[in-house]
Amino acid sequence: QLEVEWVELHTGTFANIYAMLHSN
């Protein structure tokens, strides 16, 4: 509705979950 050209999806939640599951 704001007639922008782009949206950038925030992947921070995904990244945090991935890090807690697959890293130290």
PDBML (XML) file of the C-alpha atoms, coordinates in Angstrom:
<?xml version="1.0" encoding="UTF-8" ?>
<PDBx:datablock datablockName="MODEL"
   xmlns:PDBx="http://pdbml.pdb.org/schema/pdbx-v50.xsd"
   xmlns:xsi="http://www.w3.org/2001/XMLSchema-instance"
   xsi:schemaLocation="http://pdbml.pdb.org/schema/pdbx-v50.xsd pdbx-v50.xsd">
   <PDBx:atom_siteCategory>
      <PDBx:atom_site id="1">
         <PDBx:B_iso_or_equiv>0.00</PDBx:B_iso_or_equiv>
         <PDBx:Cartn_x>0.000</PDBx:Cartn_x>
         <PDBx:Cartn_y>0.000</PDBx:Cartn_y>
         <PDBx:Cartn_z>0.000</PDBx:Cartn_z>
         <PDBx:auth_asym_id>A</PDBx:auth_asym_id>
         <PDBx:auth_atom_id>CA</PDBx:auth_atom_id>
         <PDBx:auth_comp_id>GLN</PDBx:auth_comp_id>
         <PDBx:auth_seq_id>1</PDBx:auth_seq_id>
         <PDBx:group_PDB>ATOM</PDBx:group_PDB>
         <PDBx:label_alt_id xsi:nil="true" />
         <PDBx:label_asym_id>A</PDBx:label_asym_id>
         <PDBx:label_atom_id>CA</PDBx:label_atom_id>
         <PDBx:label_comp_id>GLN</PDBx:label_comp_id>
         <PDBx:label_entity_id>1</PDBx:label_entity_id>
         <PDBx:label_seq_id>1</PDBx:label_seq_id>
         <PDBx:occupancy>1.00</PDBx:occupancy>
         <PDBx:pdbx_PDB_model_num>1</PDBx:pdbx_PDB_model_num>
         <PDBx:type_symbol>C</PDBx:type_symbol>
      </PDBx:atom_site>
      <PDBx:atom_site id="2">
         <PDBx:B_iso_or_equiv>0.00</PDBx:B_iso_or_equiv>
         <PDBx:Cartn_x>2.969</PDBx:Cartn_x>
         <PDBx:Cartn_y>2.312</PDBx:Cartn_y>
         <PDBx:Cartn_z>0.614</PDBx:Cartn_z>
         <PDBx:auth_asym_id>A</PDBx:auth_asym_id>
         <PDBx:auth_atom_id>CA</PDBx:auth_atom_id>
         <PDBx:auth_comp_id>LEU</PDBx:auth_comp_id>
         <PDBx:auth_seq_id>2</PDBx:auth_seq_id>
         <PDBx:group_PDB>ATOM</PDBx:group_PDB>
         <PDBx:label_alt_id xsi:nil="true" />
         <PDBx:label_asym_id>A</PDBx:label_asym_id>
         <PDBx:label_atom_id>CA</PDBx:label_atom_id>
         <PDBx:label_comp_id>LEU</PDBx:label_comp_id>
         <PDBx:label_entity_id>1</PDBx:label_entity_id>
         <PDBx:label_seq_id>2</PDBx:label_seq_id>
         <PDBx:occupancy>1.00</PDBx:occupancy>
         <PDBx:pdbx_PDB_model_num>1</PDBx:pdbx_PDB_model_num>
         <PDBx:type_symbol>C</PDBx:type_symbol>
      </PDBx:atom_site>
      <PDBx:atom_site id="3">
         <PDBx:B_iso_or_equiv>0.00</PDBx:B_iso_or_equiv>
         <PDBx:Cartn_x>4.037</PDBx:Cartn_x>
         <PDBx:Cartn_y>1.740</PDBx:Cartn_y>
         <PDBx:Cartn_z>-3.017</PDBx:Cartn_z>
         <PDBx:auth_asym_id>A</PDBx:auth_asym_id>
         <PDBx:auth_atom_id>CA</PDBx:auth_atom_id>
         <PDBx:auth_comp_id>GLU</PDBx:auth_comp_id>
         <PDBx:auth_seq_id>3</PDBx:auth_seq_id>
         <PDBx:group_PDB>ATOM</PDBx:group_PDB>
         <PDBx:label_alt_id xsi:nil="true" />
         <PDBx:label_asym_id>A</PDBx:label_asym_id>
         <PDBx:label_atom_id>CA</PDBx:label_atom_id>
         <PDBx:label_comp_id>GLU</PDBx:label_comp_id>
         <PDBx:label_entity_id>1</PDBx:label_entity_id>
         <PDBx:label_seq_id>3</PDBx:label_seq_id>
         <PDBx:occupancy>1.00</PDBx:occupancy>
         <PDBx:pdbx_PDB_model_num>1</PDBx:pdbx_PDB_model_num>
         <PDBx:type_symbol>C</PDBx:type_symbol>
      </PDBx:atom_site>
      <PDBx:atom_site id="4">
         <PDBx:B_iso_or_equiv>0.00</PDBx:B_iso_or_equiv>
         <PDBx:Cartn_x>7.649</PDBx:Cartn_x>
         <PDBx:Cartn_y>0.871</PDBx:Cartn_y>
         <PDBx:Cartn_z>-2.343</PDBx:Cartn_z>
         <PDBx:auth_asym_id>A</PDBx:auth_asym_id>
         <PDBx:auth_atom_id>CA</PDBx:auth_atom_id>
         <PDBx:auth_comp_id>VAL</PDBx:auth_comp_id>
         <PDBx:auth_seq_id>4</PDBx:auth_seq_id>
         <PDBx:group_PDB>ATOM</PDBx:group_PDB>
         <PDBx:label_alt_id xsi:nil="true" />
         <PDBx:label_asym_id>A</PDBx:label_asym_id>
         <PDBx:label_atom_id>CA</PDBx:label_atom_id>
         <PDBx:label_comp_id>VAL</PDBx:label_comp_id>
         <PDBx:label_entity_id>1</PDBx:label_entity_id>
         <PDBx:label_seq_id>4</PDBx:label_seq_id>
         <PDBx:occupancy>1.00</PDBx:occupancy>
         <PDBx:pdbx_PDB_model_num>1</PDBx:pdbx_PDB_model_num>
         <PDBx:type_symbol>C</PDBx:type_symbol>
      </PDBx:atom_site>
      <PDBx:atom_site id="5">
         <PDBx:B_iso_or_equiv>0.00</PDBx:B_iso_or_equiv>
         <PDBx:Cartn_x>9.752</PDBx:Cartn_x>
         <PDBx:Cartn_y>-1.035</PDBx:Cartn_y>
         <PDBx:Cartn_z>-4.843</PDBx:Cartn_z>
         <PDBx:auth_asym_id>A</PDBx:auth_asym_id>
         <PDBx:auth_atom_id>CA</PDBx:auth_atom_id>
         <PDBx:auth_comp_id>GLU</PDBx:auth_comp_id>
         <PDBx:auth_seq_id>5</PDBx:auth_seq_id>
         <PDBx:group_PDB>ATOM</PDBx:group_PDB>
         <PDBx:label_alt_id xsi:nil="true" />
         <PDBx:label_asym_id>A</PDBx:label_asym_id>
         <PDBx:label_atom_id>CA</PDBx:label_atom_id>
         <PDBx:label_comp_id>GLU</PDBx:label_comp_id>
         <PDBx:label_entity_id>1</PDBx:label_entity_id>
         <PDBx:label_seq_id>5</PDBx:label_seq_id>
         <PDBx:occupancy>1.00</PDBx:occupancy>
         <PDBx:pdbx_PDB_model_num>1</PDBx:pdbx_PDB_model_num>
         <PDBx:type_symbol>C</PDBx:type_symbol>
      </PDBx:atom_site>
      <PDBx:atom_site id="6">
         <PDBx:B_iso_or_equiv>0.00</PDBx:B_iso_or_equiv>
         <PDBx:Cartn_x>11.294</PDBx:Cartn_x>
         <PDBx:Cartn_y>-3.541</PDBx:Cartn_y>
         <PDBx:Cartn_z>-2.429</PDBx:Cartn_z>
         <PDBx:auth_asym_id>A</PDBx:auth_asym_id>
         <PDBx:auth_atom_id>CA</PDBx:auth_atom_id>
         <PDBx:auth_comp_id>TRP</PDBx:auth_comp_id>
         <PDBx:auth_seq_id>6</PDBx:auth_seq_id>
         <PDBx:group_PDB>ATOM</PDBx:group_PDB>
         <PDBx:label_alt_id xsi:nil="true" />
         <PDBx:label_asym_id>A</PDBx:label_asym_id>
         <PDBx:label_atom_id>CA</PDBx:label_atom_id>
         <PDBx:label_comp_id>TRP</PDBx:label_comp_id>
         <PDBx:label_entity_id>1</PDBx:label_entity_id>
         <PDBx:label_seq_id>6</PDBx:label_seq_id>
         <PDBx:occupancy>1.00</PDBx:occupancy>
         <PDBx:pdbx_PDB_model_num>1</PDBx:pdbx_PDB_model_num>
         <PDBx:type_symbol>C</PDBx:type_symbol>
      </PDBx:atom_site>
      <PDBx:atom_site id="7">
         <PDBx:B_iso_or_equiv>0.00</PDBx:B_iso_or_equiv>
         <PDBx:Cartn_x>10.768</PDBx:Cartn_x>
         <PDBx:Cartn_y>-5.348</PDBx:Cartn_y>
         <PDBx:Cartn_z>0.834</PDBx:Cartn_z>
         <PDBx:auth_asym_id>A</PDBx:auth_asym_id>
         <PDBx:auth_atom_id>CA</PDBx:auth_atom_id>
         <PDBx:auth_comp_id>VAL</PDBx:auth_comp_id>
         <PDBx:auth_seq_id>7</PDBx:auth_seq_id>
         <PDBx:group_PDB>ATOM</PDBx:group_PDB>
         <PDBx:label_alt_id xsi:nil="true" />
         <PDBx:label_asym_id>A</PDBx:label_asym_id>
         <PDBx:label_atom_id>CA</PDBx:label_atom_id>
         <PDBx:label_comp_id>VAL</PDBx:label_comp_id>
         <PDBx:label_entity_id>1</PDBx:label_entity_id>
         <PDBx:label_seq_id>7</PDBx:label_seq_id>
         <PDBx:occupancy>1.00</PDBx:occupancy>
         <PDBx:pdbx_PDB_model_num>1</PDBx:pdbx_PDB_model_num>
         <PDBx:type_symbol>C</PDBx:type_symbol>
      </PDBx:atom_site>
      <PDBx:atom_site id="8">
         <PDBx:B_iso_or_equiv>0.00</PDBx:B_iso_or_equiv>
         <PDBx:Cartn_x>13.681</PDBx:Cartn_x>
         <PDBx:Cartn_y>-6.905</PDBx:Cartn_y>
         <PDBx:Cartn_z>2.701</PDBx:Cartn_z>
         <PDBx:auth_asym_id>A</PDBx:auth_asym_id>
         <PDBx:auth_atom_id>CA</PDBx:auth_atom_id>
         <PDBx:auth_comp_id>GLU</PDBx:auth_comp_id>
         <PDBx:auth_seq_id>8</PDBx:auth_seq_id>
         <PDBx:group_PDB>ATOM</PDBx:group_PDB>
         <PDBx:label_alt_id xsi:nil="true" />
         <PDBx:label_asym_id>A</PDBx:label_asym_id>
         <PDBx:label_atom_id>CA</PDBx:label_atom_id>
         <PDBx:label_comp_id>GLU</PDBx:label_comp_id>
         <PDBx:label_entity_id>1</PDBx:label_entity_id>
         <PDBx:label_seq_id>8</PDBx:label_seq_id>
         <PDBx:occupancy>1.00</PDBx:occupancy>
         <PDBx:pdbx_PDB_model_num>1</PDBx:pdbx_PDB_model_num>
         <PDBx:type_symbol>C</PDBx:type_symbol>
      </PDBx:atom_site>
      <PDBx:atom_site id="9">
         <PDBx:B_iso_or_equiv>0.00</PDBx:B_iso_or_equiv>
         <PDBx:Cartn_x>12.638</PDBx:Cartn_x>
         <PDBx:Cartn_y>-9.831</PDBx:Cartn_y>
         <PDBx:Cartn_z>4.863</PDBx:Cartn_z>
         <PDBx:auth_asym_id>A</PDBx:auth_asym_id>
         <PDBx:auth_atom_id>CA</PDBx:auth_atom_id>
         <PDBx:auth_comp_id>LEU</PDBx:auth_comp_id>
         <PDBx:auth_seq_id>9</PDBx:auth_seq_id>
         <PDBx:group_PDB>ATOM</PDBx:group_PDB>
         <PDBx:label_alt_id xsi:nil="true" />
         <PDBx:label_asym_id>A</PDBx:label_asym_id>
         <PDBx:label_atom_id>CA</PDBx:label_atom_id>
         <PDBx:label_comp_id>LEU</PDBx:label_comp_id>
         <PDBx:label_entity_id>1</PDBx:label_entity_id>
         <PDBx:label_seq_id>9</PDBx:label_seq_id>
         <PDBx:occupancy>1.00</PDBx:occupancy>
         <PDBx:pdbx_PDB_model_num>1</PDBx:pdbx_PDB_model_num>
         <PDBx:type_symbol>C</PDBx:type_symbol>
      </PDBx:atom_site>
      <PDBx:atom_site id="10">
         <PDBx:B_iso_or_equiv>0.00</PDBx:B_iso_or_equiv>
         <PDBx:Cartn_x>14.215</PDBx:Cartn_x>
         <PDBx:Cartn_y>-9.909</PDBx:Cartn_y>
         <PDBx:Cartn_z>8.318</PDBx:Cartn_z>
         <PDBx:auth_asym_id>A</PDBx:auth_asym_id>
         <PDBx:auth_atom_id>CA</PDBx:auth_atom_id>
         <PDBx:auth_comp_id>HIS</PDBx:auth_comp_id>
         <PDBx:auth_seq_id>10</PDBx:auth_seq_id>
         <PDBx:group_PDB>ATOM</PDBx:group_PDB>
         <PDBx:label_alt_id xsi:nil="true" />
         <PDBx:label_asym_id>A</PDBx:label_asym_id>
         <PDBx:label_atom_id>CA</PDBx:label_atom_id>
         <PDBx:label_comp_id>HIS</PDBx:label_comp_id>
         <PDBx:label_entity_id>1</PDBx:label_entity_id>
         <PDBx:label_seq_id>10</PDBx:label_seq_id>
         <PDBx:occupancy>1.00</PDBx:occupancy>
         <PDBx:pdbx_PDB_model_num>1</PDBx:pdbx_PDB_model_num>
         <PDBx:type_symbol>C</PDBx:type_symbol>
      </PDBx:atom_site>
      <PDBx:atom_site id="11">
         <PDBx:B_iso_or_equiv>0.00</PDBx:B_iso_or_equiv>
         <PDBx:Cartn_x>15.993</PDBx:Cartn_x>
         <PDBx:Cartn_y>-13.255</PDBx:Cartn_y>
         <PDBx:Cartn_z>8.699</PDBx:Cartn_z>
         <PDBx:auth_asym_id>A</PDBx:auth_asym_id>
         <PDBx:auth_atom_id>CA</PDBx:auth_atom_id>
         <PDBx:auth_comp_id>THR</PDBx:auth_comp_id>
         <PDBx:auth_seq_id>11</PDBx:auth_seq_id>
         <PDBx:group_PDB>ATOM</PDBx:group_PDB>
         <PDBx:label_alt_id xsi:nil="true" />
         <PDBx:label_asym_id>A</PDBx:label_asym_id>
         <PDBx:label_atom_id>CA</PDBx:label_atom_id>
         <PDBx:label_comp_id>THR</PDBx:label_comp_id>
         <PDBx:label_entity_id>1</PDBx:label_entity_id>
         <PDBx:label_seq_id>11</PDBx:label_seq_id>
         <PDBx:occupancy>1.00</PDBx:occupancy>
         <PDBx:pdbx_PDB_model_num>1</PDBx:pdbx_PDB_model_num>
         <PDBx:type_symbol>C</PDBx:type_symbol>
      </PDBx:atom_site>
      <PDBx:atom_site id="12">
         <PDBx:B_iso_or_equiv>0.00</PDBx:B_iso_or_equiv>
         <PDBx:Cartn_x>17.239</PDBx:Cartn_x>
         <PDBx:Cartn_y>-12.637</PDBx:Cartn_y>
         <PDBx:Cartn_z>12.240</PDBx:Cartn_z>
         <PDBx:auth_asym_id>A</PDBx:auth_asym_id>
         <PDBx:auth_atom_id>CA</PDBx:auth_atom_id>
         <PDBx:auth_comp_id>GLY</PDBx:auth_comp_id>
         <PDBx:auth_seq_id>12</PDBx:auth_seq_id>
         <PDBx:group_PDB>ATOM</PDBx:group_PDB>
         <PDBx:label_alt_id xsi:nil="true" />
         <PDBx:label_asym_id>A</PDBx:label_asym_id>
         <PDBx:label_atom_id>CA</PDBx:label_atom_id>
         <PDBx:label_comp_id>GLY</PDBx:label_comp_id>
         <PDBx:label_entity_id>1</PDBx:label_entity_id>
         <PDBx:label_seq_id>12</PDBx:label_seq_id>
         <PDBx:occupancy>1.00</PDBx:occupancy>
         <PDBx:pdbx_PDB_model_num>1</PDBx:pdbx_PDB_model_num>
         <PDBx:type_symbol>C</PDBx:type_symbol>
      </PDBx:atom_site>
      <PDBx:atom_site id="13">
         <PDBx:B_iso_or_equiv>0.00</PDBx:B_iso_or_equiv>
         <PDBx:Cartn_x>14.770</PDBx:Cartn_x>
         <PDBx:Cartn_y>-14.991</PDBx:Cartn_y>
         <PDBx:Cartn_z>13.930</PDBx:Cartn_z>
         <PDBx:auth_asym_id>A</PDBx:auth_asym_id>
         <PDBx:auth_atom_id>CA</PDBx:auth_atom_id>
         <PDBx:auth_comp_id>THR</PDBx:auth_comp_id>
         <PDBx:auth_seq_id>13</PDBx:auth_seq_id>
         <PDBx:group_PDB>ATOM</PDBx:group_PDB>
         <PDBx:label_alt_id xsi:nil="true" />
         <PDBx:label_asym_id>A</PDBx:label_asym_id>
         <PDBx:label_atom_id>CA</PDBx:label_atom_id>
         <PDBx:label_comp_id>THR</PDBx:label_comp_id>
         <PDBx:label_entity_id>1</PDBx:label_entity_id>
         <PDBx:label_seq_id>13</PDBx:label_seq_id>
         <PDBx:occupancy>1.00</PDBx:occupancy>
         <PDBx:pdbx_PDB_model_num>1</PDBx:pdbx_PDB_model_num>
         <PDBx:type_symbol>C</PDBx:type_symbol>
      </PDBx:atom_site>
      <PDBx:atom_site id="14">
         <PDBx:B_iso_or_equiv>0.00</PDBx:B_iso_or_equiv>
         <PDBx:Cartn_x>15.666</PDBx:Cartn_x>
         <PDBx:Cartn_y>-17.763</PDBx:Cartn_y>
         <PDBx:Cartn_z>11.495</PDBx:Cartn_z>
         <PDBx:auth_asym_id>A</PDBx:auth_asym_id>
         <PDBx:auth_atom_id>CA</PDBx:auth_atom_id>
         <PDBx:auth_comp_id>PHE</PDBx:auth_comp_id>
         <PDBx:auth_seq_id>14</PDBx:auth_seq_id>
         <PDBx:group_PDB>ATOM</PDBx:group_PDB>
         <PDBx:label_alt_id xsi:nil="true" />
         <PDBx:label_asym_id>A</PDBx:label_asym_id>
         <PDBx:label_atom_id>CA</PDBx:label_atom_id>
         <PDBx:label_comp_id>PHE</PDBx:label_comp_id>
         <PDBx:label_entity_id>1</PDBx:label_entity_id>
         <PDBx:label_seq_id>14</PDBx:label_seq_id>
         <PDBx:occupancy>1.00</PDBx:occupancy>
         <PDBx:pdbx_PDB_model_num>1</PDBx:pdbx_PDB_model_num>
         <PDBx:type_symbol>C</PDBx:type_symbol>
      </PDBx:atom_site>
      <PDBx:atom_site id="15">
         <PDBx:B_iso_or_equiv>0.00</PDBx:B_iso_or_equiv>
         <PDBx:Cartn_x>19.393</PDBx:Cartn_x>
         <PDBx:Cartn_y>-17.117</PDBx:Cartn_y>
         <PDBx:Cartn_z>12.021</PDBx:Cartn_z>
         <PDBx:auth_asym_id>A</PDBx:auth_asym_id>
         <PDBx:auth_atom_id>CA</PDBx:auth_atom_id>
         <PDBx:auth_comp_id>ALA</PDBx:auth_comp_id>
         <PDBx:auth_seq_id>15</PDBx:auth_seq_id>
         <PDBx:group_PDB>ATOM</PDBx:group_PDB>
         <PDBx:label_alt_id xsi:nil="true" />
         <PDBx:label_asym_id>A</PDBx:label_asym_id>
         <PDBx:label_atom_id>CA</PDBx:label_atom_id>
         <PDBx:label_comp_id>ALA</PDBx:label_comp_id>
         <PDBx:label_entity_id>1</PDBx:label_entity_id>
         <PDBx:label_seq_id>15</PDBx:label_seq_id>
         <PDBx:occupancy>1.00</PDBx:occupancy>
         <PDBx:pdbx_PDB_model_num>1</PDBx:pdbx_PDB_model_num>
         <PDBx:type_symbol>C</PDBx:type_symbol>
      </PDBx:atom_site>
      <PDBx:atom_site id="16">
         <PDBx:B_iso_or_equiv>0.00</PDBx:B_iso_or_equiv>
         <PDBx:Cartn_x>19.104</PDBx:Cartn_x>
         <PDBx:Cartn_y>-17.196</PDBx:Cartn_y>
         <PDBx:Cartn_z>15.820</PDBx:Cartn_z>
         <PDBx:auth_asym_id>A</PDBx:auth_asym_id>
         <PDBx:auth_atom_id>CA</PDBx:auth_atom_id>
         <PDBx:auth_comp_id>ASN</PDBx:auth_comp_id>
         <PDBx:auth_seq_id>16</PDBx:auth_seq_id>
         <PDBx:group_PDB>ATOM</PDBx:group_PDB>
         <PDBx:label_alt_id xsi:nil="true" />
         <PDBx:label_asym_id>A</PDBx:label_asym_id>
         <PDBx:label_atom_id>CA</PDBx:label_atom_id>
         <PDBx:label_comp_id>ASN</PDBx:label_comp_id>
         <PDBx:label_entity_id>1</PDBx:label_entity_id>
         <PDBx:label_seq_id>16</PDBx:label_seq_id>
         <PDBx:occupancy>1.00</PDBx:occupancy>
         <PDBx:pdbx_PDB_model_num>1</PDBx:pdbx_PDB_model_num>
         <PDBx:type_symbol>C</PDBx:type_symbol>
      </PDBx:atom_site>
      <PDBx:atom_site id="17">
         <PDBx:B_iso_or_equiv>0.00</PDBx:B_iso_or_equiv>
         <PDBx:Cartn_x>17.213</PDBx:Cartn_x>
         <PDBx:Cartn_y>-20.490</PDBx:Cartn_y>
         <PDBx:Cartn_z>15.810</PDBx:Cartn_z>
         <PDBx:auth_asym_id>A</PDBx:auth_asym_id>
         <PDBx:auth_atom_id>CA</PDBx:auth_atom_id>
         <PDBx:auth_comp_id>ILE</PDBx:auth_comp_id>
         <PDBx:auth_seq_id>17</PDBx:auth_seq_id>
         <PDBx:group_PDB>ATOM</PDBx:group_PDB>
         <PDBx:label_alt_id xsi:nil="true" />
         <PDBx:label_asym_id>A</PDBx:label_asym_id>
         <PDBx:label_atom_id>CA</PDBx:label_atom_id>
         <PDBx:label_comp_id>ILE</PDBx:label_comp_id>
         <PDBx:label_entity_id>1</PDBx:label_entity_id>
         <PDBx:label_seq_id>17</PDBx:label_seq_id>
         <PDBx:occupancy>1.00</PDBx:occupancy>
         <PDBx:pdbx_PDB_model_num>1</PDBx:pdbx_PDB_model_num>
         <PDBx:type_symbol>C</PDBx:type_symbol>
      </PDBx:atom_site>
      <PDBx:atom_site id="18">
         <PDBx:B_iso_or_equiv>0.00</PDBx:B_iso_or_equiv>
         <PDBx:Cartn_x>19.685</PDBx:Cartn_x>
         <PDBx:Cartn_y>-22.001</PDBx:Cartn_y>
         <PDBx:Cartn_z>13.342</PDBx:Cartn_z>
         <PDBx:auth_asym_id>A</PDBx:auth_asym_id>
         <PDBx:auth_atom_id>CA</PDBx:auth_atom_id>
         <PDBx:auth_comp_id>TYR</PDBx:auth_comp_id>
         <PDBx:auth_seq_id>18</PDBx:auth_seq_id>
         <PDBx:group_PDB>ATOM</PDBx:group_PDB>
         <PDBx:label_alt_id xsi:nil="true" />
         <PDBx:label_asym_id>A</PDBx:label_asym_id>
         <PDBx:label_atom_id>CA</PDBx:label_atom_id>
         <PDBx:label_comp_id>TYR</PDBx:label_comp_id>
         <PDBx:label_entity_id>1</PDBx:label_entity_id>
         <PDBx:label_seq_id>18</PDBx:label_seq_id>
         <PDBx:occupancy>1.00</PDBx:occupancy>
         <PDBx:pdbx_PDB_model_num>1</PDBx:pdbx_PDB_model_num>
         <PDBx:type_symbol>C</PDBx:type_symbol>
      </PDBx:atom_site>
      <PDBx:atom_site id="19">
         <PDBx:B_iso_or_equiv>0.00</PDBx:B_iso_or_equiv>
         <PDBx:Cartn_x>22.641</PDBx:Cartn_x>
         <PDBx:Cartn_y>-20.903</PDBx:Cartn_y>
         <PDBx:Cartn_z>15.464</PDBx:Cartn_z>
         <PDBx:auth_asym_id>A</PDBx:auth_asym_id>
         <PDBx:auth_atom_id>CA</PDBx:auth_atom_id>
         <PDBx:auth_comp_id>ALA</PDBx:auth_comp_id>
         <PDBx:auth_seq_id>19</PDBx:auth_seq_id>
         <PDBx:group_PDB>ATOM</PDBx:group_PDB>
         <PDBx:label_alt_id xsi:nil="true" />
         <PDBx:label_asym_id>A</PDBx:label_asym_id>
         <PDBx:label_atom_id>CA</PDBx:label_atom_id>
         <PDBx:label_comp_id>ALA</PDBx:label_comp_id>
         <PDBx:label_entity_id>1</PDBx:label_entity_id>
         <PDBx:label_seq_id>19</PDBx:label_seq_id>
         <PDBx:occupancy>1.00</PDBx:occupancy>
         <PDBx:pdbx_PDB_model_num>1</PDBx:pdbx_PDB_model_num>
         <PDBx:type_symbol>C</PDBx:type_symbol>
      </PDBx:atom_site>
      <PDBx:atom_site id="20">
         <PDBx:B_iso_or_equiv>0.00</PDBx:B_iso_or_equiv>
         <PDBx:Cartn_x>21.183</PDBx:Cartn_x>
         <PDBx:Cartn_y>-22.387</PDBx:Cartn_y>
         <PDBx:Cartn_z>18.643</PDBx:Cartn_z>
         <PDBx:auth_asym_id>A</PDBx:auth_asym_id>
         <PDBx:auth_atom_id>CA</PDBx:auth_atom_id>
         <PDBx:auth_comp_id>MET</PDBx:auth_comp_id>
         <PDBx:auth_seq_id>20</PDBx:auth_seq_id>
         <PDBx:group_PDB>ATOM</PDBx:group_PDB>
         <PDBx:label_alt_id xsi:nil="true" />
         <PDBx:label_asym_id>A</PDBx:label_asym_id>
         <PDBx:label_atom_id>CA</PDBx:label_atom_id>
         <PDBx:label_comp_id>MET</PDBx:label_comp_id>
         <PDBx:label_entity_id>1</PDBx:label_entity_id>
         <PDBx:label_seq_id>20</PDBx:label_seq_id>
         <PDBx:occupancy>1.00</PDBx:occupancy>
         <PDBx:pdbx_PDB_model_num>1</PDBx:pdbx_PDB_model_num>
         <PDBx:type_symbol>C</PDBx:type_symbol>
      </PDBx:atom_site>
      <PDBx:atom_site id="21">
         <PDBx:B_iso_or_equiv>0.00</PDBx:B_iso_or_equiv>
         <PDBx:Cartn_x>20.460</PDBx:Cartn_x>
         <PDBx:Cartn_y>-25.659</PDBx:Cartn_y>
         <PDBx:Cartn_z>16.825</PDBx:Cartn_z>
         <PDBx:auth_asym_id>A</PDBx:auth_asym_id>
         <PDBx:auth_atom_id>CA</PDBx:auth_atom_id>
         <PDBx:auth_comp_id>LEU</PDBx:auth_comp_id>
         <PDBx:auth_seq_id>21</PDBx:auth_seq_id>
         <PDBx:group_PDB>ATOM</PDBx:group_PDB>
         <PDBx:label_alt_id xsi:nil="true" />
         <PDBx:label_asym_id>A</PDBx:label_asym_id>
         <PDBx:label_atom_id>CA</PDBx:label_atom_id>
         <PDBx:label_comp_id>LEU</PDBx:label_comp_id>
         <PDBx:label_entity_id>1</PDBx:label_entity_id>
         <PDBx:label_seq_id>21</PDBx:label_seq_id>
         <PDBx:occupancy>1.00</PDBx:occupancy>
         <PDBx:pdbx_PDB_model_num>1</PDBx:pdbx_PDB_model_num>
         <PDBx:type_symbol>C</PDBx:type_symbol>
      </PDBx:atom_site>
      <PDBx:atom_site id="22">
         <PDBx:B_iso_or_equiv>0.00</PDBx:B_iso_or_equiv>
         <PDBx:Cartn_x>23.549</PDBx:Cartn_x>
         <PDBx:Cartn_y>-26.085</PDBx:Cartn_y>
         <PDBx:Cartn_z>14.659</PDBx:Cartn_z>
         <PDBx:auth_asym_id>A</PDBx:auth_asym_id>
         <PDBx:auth_atom_id>CA</PDBx:auth_atom_id>
         <PDBx:auth_comp_id>HIS</PDBx:auth_comp_id>
         <PDBx:auth_seq_id>22</PDBx:auth_seq_id>
         <PDBx:group_PDB>ATOM</PDBx:group_PDB>
         <PDBx:label_alt_id xsi:nil="true" />
         <PDBx:label_asym_id>A</PDBx:label_asym_id>
         <PDBx:label_atom_id>CA</PDBx:label_atom_id>
         <PDBx:label_comp_id>HIS</PDBx:label_comp_id>
         <PDBx:label_entity_id>1</PDBx:label_entity_id>
         <PDBx:label_seq_id>22</PDBx:label_seq_id>
         <PDBx:occupancy>1.00</PDBx:occupancy>
         <PDBx:pdbx_PDB_model_num>1</PDBx:pdbx_PDB_model_num>
         <PDBx:type_symbol>C</PDBx:type_symbol>
      </PDBx:atom_site>
      <PDBx:atom_site id="23">
         <PDBx:B_iso_or_equiv>0.00</PDBx:B_iso_or_equiv>
         <PDBx:Cartn_x>26.381</PDBx:Cartn_x>
         <PDBx:Cartn_y>-24.202</PDBx:Cartn_y>
         <PDBx:Cartn_z>16.360</PDBx:Cartn_z>
         <PDBx:auth_asym_id>A</PDBx:auth_asym_id>
         <PDBx:auth_atom_id>CA</PDBx:auth_atom_id>
         <PDBx:auth_comp_id>SER</PDBx:auth_comp_id>
         <PDBx:auth_seq_id>23</PDBx:auth_seq_id>
         <PDBx:group_PDB>ATOM</PDBx:group_PDB>
         <PDBx:label_alt_id xsi:nil="true" />
         <PDBx:label_asym_id>A</PDBx:label_asym_id>
         <PDBx:label_atom_id>CA</PDBx:label_atom_id>
         <PDBx:label_comp_id>SER</PDBx:label_comp_id>
         <PDBx:label_entity_id>1</PDBx:label_entity_id>
         <PDBx:label_seq_id>23</PDBx:label_seq_id>
         <PDBx:occupancy>1.00</PDBx:occupancy>
         <PDBx:pdbx_PDB_model_num>1</PDBx:pdbx_PDB_model_num>
         <PDBx:type_symbol>C</PDBx:type_symbol>
      </PDBx:atom_site>
      <PDBx:atom_site id="24">
         <PDBx:B_iso_or_equiv>0.00</PDBx:B_iso_or_equiv>
         <PDBx:Cartn_x>28.051</PDBx:Cartn_x>
         <PDBx:Cartn_y>-23.953</PDBx:Cartn_y>
         <PDBx:Cartn_z>19.739</PDBx:Cartn_z>
         <PDBx:auth_asym_id>A</PDBx:auth_asym_id>
         <PDBx:auth_atom_id>CA</PDBx:auth_atom_id>
         <PDBx:auth_comp_id>ASN</PDBx:auth_comp_id>
         <PDBx:auth_seq_id>24</PDBx:auth_seq_id>
         <PDBx:group_PDB>ATOM</PDBx:group_PDB>
         <PDBx:label_alt_id xsi:nil="true" />
         <PDBx:label_asym_id>A</PDBx:label_asym_id>
         <PDBx:label_atom_id>CA</PDBx:label_atom_id>
         <PDBx:label_comp_id>ASN</PDBx:label_comp_id>
         <PDBx:label_entity_id>1</PDBx:label_entity_id>
         <PDBx:label_seq_id>24</PDBx:label_seq_id>
         <PDBx:occupancy>1.00</PDBx:occupancy>
         <PDBx:pdbx_PDB_model_num>1</PDBx:pdbx_PDB_model_num>
         <PDBx:type_symbol>C</PDBx:type_symbol>
      </PDBx:atom_site>
   </PDBx:atom_siteCategory>
</PDBx:datablock>
